[in-house]
N, C-alpha and C. Protein backbone atom coordinates (compact mmCIF):
# COMPACT_ATOMS: atom_id res chain seq x y z
N MET A 1 148.88 18.22 241.54
CA MET A 1 148.71 19.09 242.68
C MET A 1 147.62 18.51 243.59
N ASN A 2 147.84 18.57 244.88
CA ASN A 2 146.87 18.08 245.84
C ASN A 2 145.64 18.97 245.87
N THR A 3 144.51 18.36 246.13
CA THR A 3 143.29 19.12 246.31
C THR A 3 142.75 18.81 247.70
N TYR A 4 141.77 19.57 248.12
CA TYR A 4 141.19 19.39 249.45
C TYR A 4 139.68 19.47 249.34
N ASN A 5 139.00 18.56 250.01
CA ASN A 5 137.55 18.55 250.05
C ASN A 5 137.14 17.83 251.33
N HIS A 6 136.64 18.57 252.29
CA HIS A 6 136.25 17.96 253.57
C HIS A 6 134.92 18.54 254.02
N THR A 7 134.04 17.66 254.48
CA THR A 7 132.74 18.08 255.00
C THR A 7 132.64 17.69 256.46
N GLN A 8 132.32 18.67 257.28
CA GLN A 8 132.11 18.45 258.70
C GLN A 8 130.62 18.48 258.99
N ARG A 9 130.19 17.57 259.81
CA ARG A 9 128.79 17.54 260.23
C ARG A 9 128.72 17.83 261.73
N GLY A 10 127.65 18.43 262.13
CA GLY A 10 127.45 18.74 263.54
C GLY A 10 125.97 18.71 263.88
N PRO A 11 125.64 18.72 265.17
CA PRO A 11 124.24 18.61 265.57
C PRO A 11 123.45 19.92 265.55
N VAL A 12 124.04 20.99 265.02
CA VAL A 12 123.35 22.28 265.03
C VAL A 12 122.00 22.20 264.33
N HIS A 13 121.95 21.51 263.20
CA HIS A 13 120.69 21.41 262.47
C HIS A 13 119.61 20.71 263.29
N LEU A 14 120.00 19.72 264.09
CA LEU A 14 119.01 19.02 264.92
C LEU A 14 118.42 19.96 265.97
N ILE A 15 119.25 20.82 266.54
CA ILE A 15 118.78 21.80 267.51
C ILE A 15 117.80 22.77 266.85
N LEU A 16 118.16 23.24 265.65
CA LEU A 16 117.28 24.16 264.93
C LEU A 16 115.96 23.50 264.54
N TYR A 17 116.01 22.23 264.11
CA TYR A 17 114.78 21.51 263.78
C TYR A 17 113.90 21.35 265.02
N ALA A 18 114.52 21.05 266.16
CA ALA A 18 113.75 20.89 267.41
C ALA A 18 113.06 22.20 267.80
N ILE A 19 113.77 23.30 267.66
CA ILE A 19 113.16 24.60 267.96
C ILE A 19 112.02 24.88 266.99
N GLY A 20 112.22 24.53 265.71
CA GLY A 20 111.15 24.69 264.73
C GLY A 20 109.92 23.87 265.09
N LEU A 21 110.13 22.63 265.51
CA LEU A 21 109.00 21.79 265.91
C LEU A 21 108.32 22.35 267.16
N MET A 22 109.09 22.92 268.06
CA MET A 22 108.52 23.54 269.25
C MET A 22 107.60 24.71 268.85
N PHE A 23 108.05 25.52 267.89
CA PHE A 23 107.20 26.63 267.42
C PHE A 23 105.93 26.12 266.74
N ILE A 24 106.03 25.01 266.01
CA ILE A 24 104.84 24.42 265.38
C ILE A 24 103.86 23.95 266.46
N ALA A 25 104.39 23.30 267.50
CA ALA A 25 103.52 22.84 268.60
C ALA A 25 102.87 24.02 269.31
N LEU A 26 103.62 25.08 269.52
CA LEU A 26 103.05 26.28 270.15
C LEU A 26 101.96 26.89 269.27
N ALA A 27 102.21 26.94 267.97
CA ALA A 27 101.21 27.49 267.05
C ALA A 27 99.94 26.65 267.08
N TRP A 28 100.11 25.33 267.10
CA TRP A 28 98.96 24.44 267.16
C TRP A 28 98.16 24.65 268.44
N SER A 29 98.89 24.77 269.58
CA SER A 29 98.20 24.97 270.85
C SER A 29 97.50 26.33 270.89
N GLN A 30 98.13 27.36 270.31
CA GLN A 30 97.51 28.69 270.27
C GLN A 30 96.27 28.69 269.37
N ALA A 31 96.33 27.92 268.29
CA ALA A 31 95.16 27.83 267.40
C ALA A 31 94.01 27.15 268.12
N ASN A 32 94.32 26.12 268.93
CA ASN A 32 93.27 25.42 269.69
C ASN A 32 92.71 26.29 270.80
N LEU A 33 93.50 27.24 271.29
CA LEU A 33 93.03 28.16 272.33
C LEU A 33 92.32 29.37 271.75
N ARG A 34 92.15 29.38 270.44
CA ARG A 34 91.50 30.47 269.72
C ARG A 34 92.25 31.80 269.91
N SER A 35 93.57 31.72 269.91
CA SER A 35 94.39 32.93 269.99
C SER A 35 94.27 33.72 268.70
N PRO A 36 94.67 34.99 268.72
CA PRO A 36 94.62 35.78 267.48
C PRO A 36 95.44 35.10 266.37
N LEU A 37 94.94 35.25 265.16
CA LEU A 37 95.59 34.63 264.02
C LEU A 37 97.03 35.12 263.85
N THR A 38 97.28 36.37 264.19
CA THR A 38 98.64 36.91 264.04
C THR A 38 99.64 36.16 264.92
N ALA A 39 99.24 35.73 266.12
CA ALA A 39 100.14 34.97 266.99
C ALA A 39 100.47 33.61 266.37
N VAL A 40 99.48 32.95 265.81
CA VAL A 40 99.68 31.65 265.18
C VAL A 40 100.58 31.79 263.95
N VAL A 41 100.31 32.79 263.14
CA VAL A 41 101.12 33.02 261.94
C VAL A 41 102.56 33.35 262.31
N LEU A 42 102.74 34.17 263.33
CA LEU A 42 104.10 34.52 263.77
C LEU A 42 104.86 33.28 264.24
N LEU A 43 104.20 32.43 265.00
CA LEU A 43 104.85 31.19 265.46
C LEU A 43 105.20 30.28 264.28
N LEU A 44 104.32 30.20 263.31
CA LEU A 44 104.60 29.37 262.13
C LEU A 44 105.74 29.95 261.29
N LEU A 45 105.81 31.28 261.20
CA LEU A 45 106.93 31.92 260.50
C LEU A 45 108.26 31.63 261.22
N LEU A 46 108.25 31.70 262.54
CA LEU A 46 109.46 31.38 263.30
C LEU A 46 109.85 29.91 263.12
N ALA A 47 108.86 29.04 263.08
CA ALA A 47 109.12 27.62 262.82
C ALA A 47 109.77 27.43 261.45
N GLY A 48 109.21 28.10 260.46
CA GLY A 48 109.79 28.01 259.11
C GLY A 48 111.21 28.53 259.06
N LEU A 49 111.47 29.62 259.77
CA LEU A 49 112.83 30.18 259.81
C LEU A 49 113.81 29.19 260.44
N MET A 50 113.42 28.56 261.53
CA MET A 50 114.31 27.60 262.20
C MET A 50 114.59 26.39 261.29
N ILE A 51 113.57 25.90 260.62
CA ILE A 51 113.76 24.76 259.72
C ILE A 51 114.63 25.17 258.53
N PHE A 52 114.42 26.36 258.00
CA PHE A 52 115.26 26.87 256.91
C PHE A 52 116.72 26.96 257.36
N LEU A 53 116.96 27.53 258.55
CA LEU A 53 118.34 27.63 259.05
C LEU A 53 118.94 26.26 259.31
N GLY A 54 118.12 25.31 259.75
CA GLY A 54 118.60 23.94 259.93
C GLY A 54 119.10 23.35 258.61
N LEU A 55 118.38 23.62 257.54
CA LEU A 55 118.81 23.15 256.22
C LEU A 55 120.05 23.88 255.73
N CYS A 56 120.23 25.11 256.15
CA CYS A 56 121.41 25.88 255.75
C CYS A 56 122.66 25.43 256.51
N PHE A 57 122.51 25.06 257.78
CA PHE A 57 123.66 24.75 258.64
C PHE A 57 123.74 23.27 259.00
N HIS A 58 123.38 22.41 258.06
CA HIS A 58 123.46 20.96 258.27
C HIS A 58 124.91 20.49 258.28
N HIS A 59 125.72 21.05 257.39
CA HIS A 59 127.14 20.68 257.32
C HIS A 59 127.95 21.87 256.81
N LEU A 60 129.26 21.74 256.96
CA LEU A 60 130.20 22.77 256.49
C LEU A 60 131.24 22.08 255.62
N THR A 61 131.32 22.51 254.36
CA THR A 61 132.27 21.93 253.42
C THR A 61 133.35 22.96 253.10
N VAL A 62 134.60 22.53 253.20
CA VAL A 62 135.74 23.35 252.80
C VAL A 62 136.38 22.61 251.63
N ARG A 63 136.52 23.33 250.50
CA ARG A 63 136.95 22.65 249.27
C ARG A 63 137.88 23.53 248.45
N ASP A 64 138.85 22.90 247.85
CA ASP A 64 139.73 23.56 246.89
C ASP A 64 138.98 23.72 245.58
N GLU A 65 138.95 24.96 245.07
CA GLU A 65 138.31 25.24 243.78
C GLU A 65 139.28 25.97 242.87
N GLY A 66 140.42 25.37 242.63
CA GLY A 66 141.40 25.98 241.73
C GLY A 66 142.15 27.11 242.37
N VAL A 67 141.76 28.34 242.09
CA VAL A 67 142.44 29.51 242.66
C VAL A 67 141.77 29.98 243.96
N PHE A 68 140.69 29.31 244.37
CA PHE A 68 139.93 29.68 245.56
C PHE A 68 139.88 28.55 246.56
N LEU A 69 139.76 28.91 247.83
CA LEU A 69 139.34 27.99 248.88
C LEU A 69 137.89 28.34 249.15
N ALA A 70 137.00 27.38 248.97
CA ALA A 70 135.57 27.63 249.15
C ALA A 70 135.13 27.10 250.51
N VAL A 71 134.35 27.91 251.21
CA VAL A 71 133.76 27.53 252.48
C VAL A 71 132.26 27.63 252.28
N ARG A 72 131.56 26.50 252.46
CA ARG A 72 130.14 26.48 252.12
C ARG A 72 129.35 25.68 253.15
N TYR A 73 128.31 26.28 253.67
CA TYR A 73 127.37 25.57 254.51
C TYR A 73 126.31 24.95 253.59
N GLY A 74 125.64 23.91 254.06
CA GLY A 74 124.65 23.29 253.20
C GLY A 74 123.74 22.36 253.98
N PRO A 75 122.82 21.71 253.30
CA PRO A 75 122.71 21.52 251.86
C PRO A 75 122.16 22.72 251.09
N LEU A 76 121.43 23.61 251.74
CA LEU A 76 121.02 24.83 251.03
C LEU A 76 122.22 25.78 250.98
N PRO A 77 122.72 26.08 249.80
CA PRO A 77 123.96 26.86 249.69
C PRO A 77 123.76 28.37 249.82
N VAL A 78 123.10 28.80 250.87
CA VAL A 78 122.83 30.22 251.07
C VAL A 78 124.08 30.94 251.59
N PHE A 79 124.79 30.30 252.52
CA PHE A 79 125.94 30.92 253.16
C PHE A 79 127.22 30.30 252.63
N LYS A 80 127.97 31.07 251.85
CA LYS A 80 129.22 30.57 251.28
C LYS A 80 130.22 31.71 251.18
N TYR A 81 131.49 31.33 251.12
CA TYR A 81 132.56 32.32 251.10
C TYR A 81 133.73 31.73 250.34
N ARG A 82 134.38 32.54 249.52
CA ARG A 82 135.56 32.07 248.77
C ARG A 82 136.74 32.97 249.06
N ILE A 83 137.90 32.35 249.21
CA ILE A 83 139.14 33.07 249.50
C ILE A 83 140.15 32.71 248.42
N THR A 84 140.74 33.71 247.79
CA THR A 84 141.79 33.42 246.81
C THR A 84 143.05 33.02 247.56
N TYR A 85 143.74 32.03 247.03
CA TYR A 85 144.98 31.58 247.67
C TYR A 85 146.04 32.68 247.66
N GLU A 86 146.05 33.49 246.63
CA GLU A 86 147.06 34.55 246.56
C GLU A 86 146.87 35.62 247.62
N SER A 87 145.68 35.71 248.22
CA SER A 87 145.45 36.70 249.28
C SER A 87 145.87 36.19 250.66
N ILE A 88 146.20 34.90 250.77
CA ILE A 88 146.58 34.32 252.06
C ILE A 88 148.05 34.62 252.34
N VAL A 89 148.30 35.27 253.46
CA VAL A 89 149.66 35.65 253.87
C VAL A 89 150.25 34.60 254.79
N ALA A 90 149.45 34.07 255.74
CA ALA A 90 149.93 33.08 256.70
C ALA A 90 148.76 32.24 257.19
N VAL A 91 149.06 31.01 257.62
CA VAL A 91 148.05 30.12 258.19
C VAL A 91 148.60 29.45 259.45
N GLU A 92 147.72 29.17 260.39
CA GLU A 92 148.10 28.46 261.60
C GLU A 92 146.86 27.85 262.22
N THR A 93 147.04 26.80 263.03
CA THR A 93 145.89 26.25 263.74
C THR A 93 145.57 27.18 264.90
N ALA A 94 144.30 27.18 265.29
CA ALA A 94 143.84 28.03 266.37
C ALA A 94 142.63 27.35 267.01
N HIS A 95 142.06 28.00 267.98
CA HIS A 95 140.87 27.50 268.65
C HIS A 95 139.84 28.62 268.76
N SER A 96 138.60 28.25 268.59
CA SER A 96 137.53 29.20 268.84
C SER A 96 137.06 28.98 270.28
N ASP A 97 136.34 29.94 270.80
CA ASP A 97 135.83 29.81 272.16
C ASP A 97 134.35 30.16 272.20
N LEU A 98 133.80 30.19 273.38
CA LEU A 98 132.37 30.44 273.55
C LEU A 98 131.94 31.77 272.95
N LEU A 99 132.79 32.77 273.02
CA LEU A 99 132.49 34.09 272.47
C LEU A 99 132.29 34.03 270.95
N ASP A 100 133.00 33.11 270.29
CA ASP A 100 132.89 32.97 268.84
C ASP A 100 131.55 32.39 268.41
N GLY A 101 130.93 31.59 269.26
CA GLY A 101 129.65 31.00 268.93
C GLY A 101 129.74 30.01 267.78
N LEU A 102 128.60 29.74 267.17
CA LEU A 102 128.51 28.83 266.03
C LEU A 102 128.00 29.60 264.83
N GLY A 103 128.39 29.17 263.65
CA GLY A 103 127.92 29.81 262.43
C GLY A 103 128.92 30.79 261.87
N ILE A 104 128.44 31.92 261.42
CA ILE A 104 129.26 32.94 260.79
C ILE A 104 129.20 34.19 261.66
N HIS A 105 130.37 34.66 262.08
CA HIS A 105 130.41 35.84 262.96
C HIS A 105 131.61 36.70 262.62
N TYR A 106 131.48 37.97 262.90
CA TYR A 106 132.61 38.89 262.87
C TYR A 106 132.77 39.48 264.26
N LEU A 107 133.98 39.40 264.79
CA LEU A 107 134.29 40.01 266.08
C LEU A 107 135.45 40.97 265.89
N PRO A 108 135.29 42.22 266.29
CA PRO A 108 136.40 43.18 266.16
C PRO A 108 137.65 42.67 266.87
N GLY A 109 138.77 42.79 266.18
CA GLY A 109 140.04 42.33 266.73
C GLY A 109 140.31 40.86 266.50
N ARG A 110 139.29 40.10 266.14
CA ARG A 110 139.45 38.66 265.91
C ARG A 110 139.14 38.28 264.46
N GLY A 111 138.36 39.09 263.78
CA GLY A 111 138.03 38.82 262.38
C GLY A 111 136.80 37.94 262.23
N TRP A 112 136.68 37.38 261.05
CA TRP A 112 135.55 36.51 260.70
C TRP A 112 135.83 35.10 261.16
N ILE A 113 134.77 34.39 261.55
CA ILE A 113 134.86 32.96 261.82
C ILE A 113 133.70 32.26 261.15
N PHE A 114 134.03 31.15 260.52
CA PHE A 114 133.05 30.26 259.91
C PHE A 114 133.22 28.92 260.61
N ASN A 115 132.27 28.55 261.45
CA ASN A 115 132.39 27.26 262.12
C ASN A 115 131.02 26.62 262.28
N LEU A 116 131.05 25.33 262.57
CA LEU A 116 129.82 24.57 262.71
C LEU A 116 129.73 23.92 264.08
N TRP A 117 130.81 23.31 264.53
CA TRP A 117 130.79 22.60 265.79
C TRP A 117 132.23 22.34 266.21
N GLY A 118 132.49 22.40 267.48
CA GLY A 118 133.84 22.15 267.98
C GLY A 118 134.63 23.44 268.05
N LYS A 119 135.87 23.32 268.56
CA LYS A 119 136.68 24.53 268.75
C LYS A 119 137.93 24.59 267.90
N ASP A 120 138.26 23.51 267.19
CA ASP A 120 139.45 23.54 266.33
C ASP A 120 139.16 24.34 265.07
N CYS A 121 140.13 25.15 264.67
CA CYS A 121 139.98 25.93 263.45
C CYS A 121 141.36 26.25 262.87
N VAL A 122 141.34 26.77 261.66
CA VAL A 122 142.56 27.23 261.01
C VAL A 122 142.40 28.73 260.81
N LYS A 123 143.42 29.46 261.26
CA LYS A 123 143.41 30.92 261.17
C LYS A 123 144.16 31.33 259.92
N LEU A 124 143.50 32.06 259.04
CA LEU A 124 144.11 32.56 257.81
C LEU A 124 144.31 34.06 257.94
N GLU A 125 145.54 34.47 257.83
CA GLU A 125 145.84 35.91 257.79
C GLU A 125 145.84 36.29 256.31
N LEU A 126 144.90 37.13 255.94
CA LEU A 126 144.82 37.62 254.57
C LEU A 126 145.45 39.00 254.53
N ARG A 127 145.59 39.54 253.35
CA ARG A 127 146.21 40.86 253.22
C ARG A 127 145.48 41.93 254.04
N ASN A 128 144.16 41.84 254.08
CA ASN A 128 143.40 42.90 254.72
C ASN A 128 142.48 42.45 255.84
N LYS A 129 142.51 41.18 256.22
CA LYS A 129 141.64 40.70 257.29
C LYS A 129 142.08 39.32 257.78
N THR A 130 141.44 38.90 258.86
CA THR A 130 141.67 37.57 259.43
C THR A 130 140.40 36.76 259.30
N VAL A 131 140.56 35.50 258.89
CA VAL A 131 139.44 34.58 258.77
C VAL A 131 139.82 33.29 259.47
N ARG A 132 138.92 32.79 260.30
CA ARG A 132 139.12 31.49 260.93
C ARG A 132 138.06 30.54 260.41
N ILE A 133 138.51 29.34 260.05
CA ILE A 133 137.60 28.32 259.52
C ILE A 133 137.61 27.14 260.47
N GLY A 134 136.46 26.88 261.08
CA GLY A 134 136.34 25.75 261.98
C GLY A 134 136.33 24.44 261.20
N SER A 135 136.96 23.41 261.79
CA SER A 135 137.02 22.13 261.11
C SER A 135 137.35 21.02 262.09
N ASP A 136 136.79 19.84 261.86
CA ASP A 136 137.21 18.67 262.61
C ASP A 136 138.41 18.01 261.93
N ASP A 137 138.94 18.68 260.91
CA ASP A 137 140.16 18.26 260.21
C ASP A 137 141.11 19.46 260.10
N ALA A 138 141.31 20.16 261.20
CA ALA A 138 142.12 21.38 261.17
C ALA A 138 143.56 21.09 260.73
N LYS A 139 144.13 19.99 261.17
CA LYS A 139 145.51 19.68 260.78
C LYS A 139 145.62 19.39 259.29
N GLY A 140 144.65 18.66 258.74
CA GLY A 140 144.65 18.38 257.31
C GLY A 140 144.47 19.64 256.48
N LEU A 141 143.58 20.51 256.92
CA LEU A 141 143.37 21.77 256.21
C LEU A 141 144.61 22.64 256.29
N LEU A 142 145.24 22.70 257.47
CA LEU A 142 146.47 23.48 257.63
C LEU A 142 147.56 22.97 256.69
N LEU A 143 147.78 21.67 256.64
CA LEU A 143 148.82 21.11 255.76
C LEU A 143 148.52 21.42 254.30
N PHE A 144 147.25 21.27 253.90
CA PHE A 144 146.90 21.59 252.52
C PHE A 144 147.19 23.05 252.21
N LEU A 145 146.78 23.95 253.10
CA LEU A 145 146.98 25.38 252.83
C LEU A 145 148.46 25.75 252.84
N GLN A 146 149.23 25.18 253.74
CA GLN A 146 150.67 25.46 253.76
C GLN A 146 151.33 25.03 252.45
N ASN A 147 150.97 23.85 251.94
CA ASN A 147 151.51 23.38 250.67
C ASN A 147 151.02 24.26 249.51
N ARG A 148 149.77 24.65 249.58
CA ARG A 148 149.17 25.41 248.48
C ARG A 148 149.76 26.82 248.38
N ILE A 149 149.93 27.50 249.51
CA ILE A 149 150.42 28.88 249.43
C ILE A 149 151.93 28.95 249.28
N SER A 150 152.65 27.86 249.56
CA SER A 150 154.10 27.86 249.38
C SER A 150 154.50 27.61 247.92
N SER A 151 153.58 27.05 247.14
CA SER A 151 153.91 26.74 245.74
C SER A 151 153.58 27.89 244.80
């Protein structure tokens, strides 16, 4: 049986790291200006959050795990999602747009989207919801899922 394992990389983490460095620079400048300690600590906490999110959204891996399709951001595996193949009713290629944004979102009428960069995705109609998975290999993922759910 065919398996699937694809990792997409995007520049989102670089943007988050840059914002984190900006907050560190602001904290440093505020400390030199003798600003209240709470302002410096807040800026450092925001910097830490941006760097943490950068580590979480460095890449997006979609992988076959036996009875599940796993969607995992990384290298810190904080955000992950698994879908059983038996719950998939239909699959098709689709596109995300500016309203969908980047990352993990739920939009009423459109369902969940897991994406990292770009607009190509695969739309999965599940028994009780819709999930779209962004990928720079949308055609490969679609073919794998079509073969997997037909067998």
